[in-house]
C-alpha atoms as a PDB file:
ATOM      1  CA  MET A   1     -31.608  90.880 -40.547  1.00  0.00           C
ATOM      2  CA  ILE A   2     -31.361  94.604 -39.805  1.00  0.00           C
ATOM      3  CA  ARG A   3     -29.752  94.309 -36.462  1.00  0.00           C
ATOM      4  CA  SER A   4     -26.907  91.691 -37.371  1.00  0.00           C
ATOM      5  CA  GLY A   5     -26.758  92.754 -40.799  1.00  0.00           C
ATOM      6  CA  VAL A   6     -24.001  94.446 -42.622  1.00  0.00           C
ATOM      7  CA  HIS A   7     -24.907  97.132 -45.088  1.00  0.00           C
ATOM      8  CA  LYS A   8     -22.399  98.501 -47.523  1.00  0.00           C
ATOM      9  CA  SER A   9     -24.896 101.421 -48.311  1.00  0.00           C
ATOM     10  CA  VAL A  10     -27.659 103.380 -47.409  1.00  0.00           C
ATOM     11  CA  GLN A  11     -29.770 101.687 -50.236  1.00  0.00           C
ATOM     12  CA  SER A  12     -29.122  98.404 -49.120  1.00  0.00           C
ATOM     13  CA  LEU A  13     -30.091  99.283 -45.658  1.00  0.00           C
ATOM     14  CA  GLU A  14     -33.290 100.796 -46.772  1.00  0.00           C
ATOM     15  CA  GLN A  15     -34.075  97.462 -49.207  1.00  0.00           C
ATOM     16  CA  ASP A  16     -33.598  95.119 -45.894  1.00  0.00           C
ATOM     17  CA  ILE A  17     -35.780  97.756 -43.975  1.00  0.00           C
ATOM     18  CA  ARG A  18     -38.912  97.119 -46.836  1.00  0.00           C
ATOM     19  CA  ASP A  19     -37.879  93.486 -46.817  1.00  0.00           C
ATOM     20  CA  TRP A  20     -38.553  93.450 -42.758  1.00  0.00           C
ATOM     21  CA  ILE A  21     -41.655  95.643 -43.188  1.00  0.00           C
ATOM     22  CA  ALA A  22     -42.850  93.269 -45.927  1.00  0.00           C
ATOM     23  CA  GLN A  23     -42.351  89.995 -44.173  1.00  0.00           C
ATOM     24  CA  TRP A  24     -43.733  91.609 -40.941  1.00  0.00           C
ATOM     25  CA  ASN A  25     -47.174  92.462 -42.778  1.00  0.00           C
ATOM     26  CA  ASP A  26     -47.177  88.839 -44.051  1.00  0.00           C
ATOM     27  CA  ASN A  27     -47.650  87.699 -40.762  1.00  0.00           C
ATOM     28  CA  ALA A  28     -48.781  90.712 -38.771  1.00  0.00           C
ATOM     29  CA  ARG A  29     -50.008  90.640 -35.229  1.00  0.00           C
ATOM     30  CA  PRO A  30     -50.849  93.401 -32.841  1.00  0.00           C
ATOM     31  CA  PHE A  31     -48.443  94.753 -30.171  1.00  0.00           C
ATOM     32  CA  VAL A  32     -49.673  94.006 -26.604  1.00  0.00           C
ATOM     33  CA  TRP A  33     -48.507  96.349 -24.006  1.00  0.00           C
ATOM     34  CA  LYS A  34     -46.741  94.447 -20.971  1.00  0.00           C
ATOM     35  CA  LYS A  35     -47.085  97.718 -18.467  1.00  0.00           C
ATOM     36  CA  THR A  36     -49.906  99.747 -17.438  1.00  0.00           C
ATOM     37  CA  ALA A  37     -49.587 103.510 -18.178  1.00  0.00           C
ATOM     38  CA  GLU A  38     -48.748 104.132 -14.705  1.00  0.00           C
ATOM     39  CA  GLU A  39     -45.768 101.892 -14.685  1.00  0.00           C
ATOM     40  CA  ILE A  40     -44.319 103.375 -17.832  1.00  0.00           C
ATOM     41  CA  LEU A  41     -44.670 106.534 -16.626  1.00  0.00           C
ATOM     42  CA  GLU A  42     -43.218 105.754 -13.208  1.00  0.00           C
ATOM     43  CA  SER A  43     -40.145 104.448 -15.096  1.00  0.00           C
ATOM     44  CA  LEU A  44     -39.672 107.423 -17.107  1.00  0.00           C
ATOM     45  CA  ALA A  45     -39.877 109.598 -14.127  1.00  0.00           C
ATOM     46  CA  LYS A  46     -37.366 107.693 -12.091  1.00  0.00           C
ATOM     47  CA  TYR A  47     -34.819 107.869 -15.177  1.00  0.00           C
ATOM     48  CA  LEU A  48     -35.604 111.635 -15.305  1.00  0.00           C
ATOM     49  CA  ARG A  49     -34.946 112.233 -11.608  1.00  0.00           C
ATOM     50  CA  ARG A  50     -31.668 109.889 -12.344  1.00  0.00           C
ATOM     51  CA  ILE A  51     -30.171 111.979 -15.118  1.00  0.00           C
ATOM     52  CA  SER A  52     -31.368 115.326 -14.088  1.00  0.00           C
ATOM     53  CA  GLY A  53     -28.216 115.780 -11.798  1.00  0.00           C
ATOM     54  CA  ALA A  54     -25.795 114.801 -14.891  1.00  0.00           C
END
């Protein structure tokens, strides 16, 4: 709804975000991390090394 939607005003976007939150909360489920903290930090370190020369 939010990604593919067309919003003609900030108020329209805000209402769609509120609607999405309400819908999510009706069927809430915990977020499950797919990577370990070490994997995330290594990925970030690689990215920072890559852009440091930019």
